[in-house]
Amino acid sequence: MRSPRSLVGGRPEAAYEITFDGRELPAQEGQSVAAVLWSAGILAWRTTREGGAPRGAFCGIGSCYDCLVTVNGLPNQRACLVPARPGDAVTTQEGTGRADLTV
């Protein structure tokens, strides 16, 4: 079967790893955090403030904010826009991602 990959002879290899909730995931140069999560079969990585409903990528272009994650301790990062970097620690975001700041 002919595919773009077979035509150019490319073969992707994991260039580095990131972690998601402590689980190591392979990542390739140029992938967004959302792409790394999708590649690993992870479709939801945030819960809503009210009701705790699961969310993941919806629009894929940074307009809807459904794909928010916490990256290296910084909450409210749009996974579809943030490039994955070697050693990133990505965690599920619950609600606003600022539970440590509540009074």
N, C-alpha and C. Protein backbone atom coordinates (compact mmCIF):
# COMPACT_ATOMS: atom_id res chain seq x y z
N MET A 1 0.83 -1.18 0.00
CA MET A 1 0.00 0.00 0.00
C MET A 1 0.89 1.26 0.00
N ARG A 2 0.56 2.18 -0.85
CA ARG A 2 1.32 3.43 -0.92
C ARG A 2 0.77 4.44 0.08
N SER A 3 1.66 5.03 0.81
CA SER A 3 1.30 6.07 1.77
C SER A 3 2.36 7.15 1.68
N PRO A 4 2.08 8.34 2.20
CA PRO A 4 3.11 9.38 2.20
C PRO A 4 4.41 8.91 2.84
N ARG A 5 4.29 8.15 3.94
CA ARG A 5 5.48 7.68 4.63
C ARG A 5 6.26 6.71 3.74
N SER A 6 5.57 5.82 3.03
CA SER A 6 6.28 4.86 2.18
C SER A 6 6.93 5.54 0.99
N LEU A 7 6.35 6.62 0.52
CA LEU A 7 6.90 7.33 -0.63
C LEU A 7 8.22 8.04 -0.29
N VAL A 8 8.33 8.56 0.91
CA VAL A 8 9.55 9.28 1.28
C VAL A 8 10.51 8.42 2.09
N GLY A 9 10.07 7.27 2.50
CA GLY A 9 10.93 6.37 3.26
C GLY A 9 11.14 6.79 4.69
N GLY A 10 10.30 7.67 5.19
CA GLY A 10 10.44 8.13 6.56
C GLY A 10 10.00 7.09 7.56
N ARG A 11 10.62 7.14 8.72
CA ARG A 11 10.24 6.24 9.80
C ARG A 11 10.40 7.01 11.11
N PRO A 12 9.26 7.43 11.73
CA PRO A 12 9.39 8.22 12.96
C PRO A 12 9.96 7.40 14.10
N GLU A 13 10.76 8.04 14.90
CA GLU A 13 11.31 7.41 16.08
C GLU A 13 11.12 8.35 17.25
N ALA A 14 10.93 7.79 18.42
CA ALA A 14 10.78 8.62 19.61
C ALA A 14 12.08 9.35 19.88
N ALA A 15 12.01 10.66 19.86
CA ALA A 15 13.21 11.46 20.08
C ALA A 15 13.48 11.68 21.57
N TYR A 16 12.42 11.67 22.36
CA TYR A 16 12.55 11.91 23.80
C TYR A 16 11.25 11.48 24.46
N GLU A 17 11.19 11.63 25.77
CA GLU A 17 9.99 11.27 26.50
C GLU A 17 9.50 12.45 27.33
N ILE A 18 8.18 12.47 27.53
CA ILE A 18 7.57 13.37 28.51
C ILE A 18 6.77 12.46 29.44
N THR A 19 6.31 13.00 30.55
CA THR A 19 5.46 12.21 31.42
C THR A 19 4.08 12.84 31.47
N PHE A 20 3.08 11.99 31.60
CA PHE A 20 1.70 12.43 31.81
C PHE A 20 1.17 11.69 33.02
N ASP A 21 0.90 12.43 34.07
CA ASP A 21 0.46 11.84 35.34
C ASP A 21 1.38 10.70 35.76
N GLY A 22 2.68 10.90 35.56
CA GLY A 22 3.69 9.94 35.98
C GLY A 22 3.99 8.85 34.96
N ARG A 23 3.22 8.76 33.90
CA ARG A 23 3.41 7.74 32.87
C ARG A 23 4.32 8.29 31.77
N GLU A 24 5.37 7.56 31.43
CA GLU A 24 6.30 8.01 30.38
C GLU A 24 5.68 7.79 29.00
N LEU A 25 5.76 8.84 28.17
CA LEU A 25 5.21 8.78 26.82
C LEU A 25 6.27 9.19 25.82
N PRO A 26 6.35 8.48 24.68
CA PRO A 26 7.30 8.87 23.65
C PRO A 26 6.81 10.11 22.92
N ALA A 27 7.73 11.00 22.61
CA ALA A 27 7.41 12.23 21.89
C ALA A 27 8.40 12.43 20.75
N GLN A 28 7.93 13.09 19.71
CA GLN A 28 8.79 13.39 18.58
C GLN A 28 8.92 14.90 18.43
N GLU A 29 10.05 15.30 17.93
CA GLU A 29 10.31 16.73 17.71
C GLU A 29 9.16 17.34 16.91
N GLY A 30 8.66 18.47 17.39
CA GLY A 30 7.61 19.20 16.68
C GLY A 30 6.20 18.86 17.10
N GLN A 31 6.02 17.85 17.94
CA GLN A 31 4.68 17.50 18.38
C GLN A 31 4.21 18.44 19.49
N SER A 32 2.91 18.73 19.48
CA SER A 32 2.32 19.46 20.59
C SER A 32 2.06 18.47 21.72
N VAL A 33 1.78 18.98 22.90
CA VAL A 33 1.45 18.11 24.02
C VAL A 33 0.21 17.28 23.67
N ALA A 34 -0.79 17.91 23.04
CA ALA A 34 -2.00 17.18 22.64
C ALA A 34 -1.67 16.04 21.68
N ALA A 35 -0.77 16.26 20.73
CA ALA A 35 -0.40 15.22 19.77
C ALA A 35 0.26 14.04 20.47
N VAL A 36 1.10 14.33 21.45
CA VAL A 36 1.75 13.26 22.21
C VAL A 36 0.69 12.45 22.97
N LEU A 37 -0.25 13.14 23.60
CA LEU A 37 -1.30 12.45 24.35
C LEU A 37 -2.17 11.62 23.42
N TRP A 38 -2.58 12.19 22.30
CA TRP A 38 -3.39 11.45 21.31
C TRP A 38 -2.65 10.21 20.84
N SER A 39 -1.37 10.36 20.55
CA SER A 39 -0.56 9.23 20.06
C SER A 39 -0.54 8.09 21.06
N ALA A 40 -0.67 8.42 22.33
CA ALA A 40 -0.66 7.40 23.38
C ALA A 40 -2.07 6.88 23.68
N GLY A 41 -3.05 7.35 22.94
CA GLY A 41 -4.43 6.90 23.15
C GLY A 41 -5.14 7.62 24.28
N ILE A 42 -4.58 8.72 24.75
CA ILE A 42 -5.19 9.48 25.84
C ILE A 42 -6.05 10.57 25.21
N LEU A 43 -7.36 10.51 25.46
CA LEU A 43 -8.29 11.43 24.82
C LEU A 43 -8.84 12.51 25.74
N ALA A 44 -8.70 12.33 27.05
CA ALA A 44 -9.18 13.32 28.01
C ALA A 44 -8.09 13.59 29.04
N TRP A 45 -7.88 14.88 29.34
CA TRP A 45 -6.82 15.24 30.30
C TRP A 45 -7.18 16.46 31.13
N ARG A 46 -8.45 16.77 31.21
CA ARG A 46 -8.92 17.87 32.04
C ARG A 46 -10.32 17.53 32.53
N THR A 47 -10.68 18.06 33.69
CA THR A 47 -12.06 17.95 34.15
C THR A 47 -12.62 19.35 34.31
N THR A 48 -13.92 19.47 34.10
CA THR A 48 -14.56 20.78 34.20
C THR A 48 -14.72 21.21 35.65
N ARG A 49 -14.84 22.52 35.87
CA ARG A 49 -15.01 23.06 37.22
C ARG A 49 -16.29 22.55 37.86
N GLU A 50 -17.36 22.52 37.09
CA GLU A 50 -18.64 22.08 37.62
C GLU A 50 -18.96 20.70 37.05
N GLY A 51 -19.06 19.74 37.91
CA GLY A 51 -19.43 18.40 37.49
C GLY A 51 -18.29 17.46 37.21
N GLY A 52 -17.08 17.97 37.02
CA GLY A 52 -15.92 17.12 36.79
C GLY A 52 -15.98 16.31 35.50
N ALA A 53 -16.63 16.85 34.47
CA ALA A 53 -16.73 16.14 33.18
C ALA A 53 -15.37 16.11 32.49
N PRO A 54 -15.02 15.00 31.85
CA PRO A 54 -13.73 14.90 31.17
C PRO A 54 -13.70 15.74 29.90
N ARG A 55 -12.54 16.31 29.62
CA ARG A 55 -12.34 17.09 28.41
C ARG A 55 -10.97 16.78 27.83
N GLY A 56 -10.83 16.99 26.54
CA GLY A 56 -9.56 16.83 25.83
C GLY A 56 -9.53 17.87 24.73
N ALA A 57 -8.96 17.52 23.60
CA ALA A 57 -8.92 18.46 22.49
C ALA A 57 -10.28 18.51 21.80
N PHE A 58 -10.72 19.69 21.46
CA PHE A 58 -11.97 19.85 20.73
C PHE A 58 -11.71 20.54 19.40
N CYS A 59 -11.18 21.77 19.46
CA CYS A 59 -10.96 22.52 18.21
C CYS A 59 -9.58 22.25 17.61
N GLY A 60 -8.60 22.01 18.45
CA GLY A 60 -7.24 21.74 17.97
C GLY A 60 -6.48 22.96 17.50
N ILE A 61 -7.04 24.16 17.66
CA ILE A 61 -6.35 25.38 17.21
C ILE A 61 -6.25 26.45 18.29
N GLY A 62 -6.54 26.08 19.54
CA GLY A 62 -6.36 27.01 20.65
C GLY A 62 -7.49 27.98 20.88
N SER A 63 -8.66 27.75 20.29
CA SER A 63 -9.78 28.68 20.45
C SER A 63 -10.73 28.31 21.58
N CYS A 64 -10.84 27.01 21.91
CA CYS A 64 -11.92 26.59 22.80
C CYS A 64 -11.50 26.37 24.25
N TYR A 65 -10.27 26.19 24.55
CA TYR A 65 -9.75 25.98 25.91
C TYR A 65 -10.19 24.65 26.54
N ASP A 66 -10.72 23.71 25.77
CA ASP A 66 -11.08 22.42 26.33
C ASP A 66 -9.86 21.57 26.66
N CYS A 67 -8.72 21.85 26.04
CA CYS A 67 -7.54 20.98 26.17
C CYS A 67 -6.55 21.44 27.24
N LEU A 68 -7.01 22.21 28.22
CA LEU A 68 -6.09 22.72 29.24
C LEU A 68 -5.43 21.61 30.05
N VAL A 69 -4.13 21.77 30.28
CA VAL A 69 -3.35 20.85 31.10
C VAL A 69 -2.41 21.68 31.97
N THR A 70 -1.80 21.01 32.92
CA THR A 70 -0.75 21.63 33.71
C THR A 70 0.58 21.08 33.20
N VAL A 71 1.48 21.97 32.78
CA VAL A 71 2.78 21.57 32.24
C VAL A 71 3.87 22.13 33.15
N ASN A 72 4.65 21.23 33.72
CA ASN A 72 5.75 21.61 34.62
C ASN A 72 5.27 22.53 35.74
N GLY A 73 4.08 22.21 36.29
CA GLY A 73 3.53 22.97 37.40
C GLY A 73 2.77 24.22 37.02
N LEU A 74 2.75 24.58 35.74
CA LEU A 74 2.05 25.78 35.27
C LEU A 74 0.69 25.38 34.71
N PRO A 75 -0.42 25.75 35.39
CA PRO A 75 -1.74 25.35 34.94
C PRO A 75 -2.22 26.16 33.74
N ASN A 76 -3.33 25.71 33.17
CA ASN A 76 -4.04 26.42 32.11
C ASN A 76 -3.26 26.55 30.81
N GLN A 77 -2.49 25.53 30.48
CA GLN A 77 -1.75 25.50 29.21
C GLN A 77 -2.59 24.77 28.17
N ARG A 78 -2.76 25.36 27.00
CA ARG A 78 -3.52 24.72 25.93
C ARG A 78 -2.65 23.66 25.26
N ALA A 79 -2.99 22.40 25.49
CA ALA A 79 -2.19 21.27 25.01
C ALA A 79 -2.04 21.27 23.50
N CYS A 80 -3.00 21.82 22.78
CA CYS A 80 -2.92 21.82 21.32
C CYS A 80 -1.92 22.84 20.79
N LEU A 81 -1.53 23.80 21.63
CA LEU A 81 -0.60 24.84 21.20
C LEU A 81 0.80 24.71 21.81
N VAL A 82 0.90 24.07 22.97
CA VAL A 82 2.18 23.98 23.67
C VAL A 82 3.04 22.89 23.04
N PRO A 83 4.22 23.24 22.57
CA PRO A 83 5.11 22.19 22.04
C PRO A 83 5.64 21.33 23.17
N ALA A 84 5.66 20.02 22.93
CA ALA A 84 6.23 19.10 23.92
C ALA A 84 7.74 19.28 23.92
N ARG A 85 8.32 19.33 25.11
CA ARG A 85 9.76 19.48 25.28
C ARG A 85 10.30 18.29 26.06
N PRO A 86 11.54 17.92 25.82
CA PRO A 86 12.12 16.78 26.55
C PRO A 86 11.99 16.98 28.06
N GLY A 87 11.47 15.94 28.73
CA GLY A 87 11.36 15.97 30.17
C GLY A 87 10.15 16.68 30.73
N ASP A 88 9.27 17.21 29.88
CA ASP A 88 8.06 17.88 30.38
C ASP A 88 7.27 16.95 31.29
N ALA A 89 6.76 17.53 32.37
CA ALA A 89 5.87 16.81 33.28
C ALA A 89 4.47 17.39 33.10
N VAL A 90 3.61 16.65 32.43
CA VAL A 90 2.25 17.09 32.15
C VAL A 90 1.33 16.35 33.09
N THR A 91 0.38 17.09 33.68
CA THR A 91 -0.58 16.45 34.59
C THR A 91 -1.99 16.87 34.23
N THR A 92 -2.93 15.99 34.59
CA THR A 92 -4.35 16.27 34.40
C THR A 92 -4.69 17.55 35.15
N GLN A 93 -5.47 18.39 34.51
CA GLN A 93 -5.90 19.62 35.18
C GLN A 93 -7.32 19.44 35.67
N GLU A 94 -7.53 19.70 36.94
CA GLU A 94 -8.85 19.61 37.52
C GLU A 94 -9.41 21.01 37.71
N GLY A 95 -10.54 21.29 37.06
CA GLY A 95 -11.16 22.60 37.16
C GLY A 95 -10.26 23.69 36.62
N THR A 96 -9.99 24.71 37.44
CA THR A 96 -9.20 25.85 37.00
C THR A 96 -7.71 25.59 37.07
N GLY A 97 -7.31 24.50 37.70
CA GLY A 97 -5.89 24.19 37.79
C GLY A 97 -5.17 24.99 38.84
N ARG A 98 -5.91 25.66 39.70
CA ARG A 98 -5.29 26.49 40.73
C ARG A 98 -5.78 26.13 42.13
N ALA A 99 -5.98 24.84 42.35
CA ALA A 99 -6.48 24.38 43.65
C ALA A 99 -5.59 24.80 44.80
N ASP A 100 -4.27 24.92 44.54
CA ASP A 100 -3.35 25.31 45.61
C ASP A 100 -3.49 26.77 46.01
N LEU A 101 -4.24 27.56 45.24
CA LEU A 101 -4.40 28.97 45.55
C LEU A 101 -5.74 29.27 46.22
N THR A 102 -6.56 28.26 46.47
CA THR A 102 -7.87 28.50 47.07
C THR A 102 -7.71 28.94 48.52
N VAL A 103 -8.68 29.70 48.99
CA VAL A 103 -8.65 30.22 50.35
C VAL A 103 -9.62 29.45 51.20
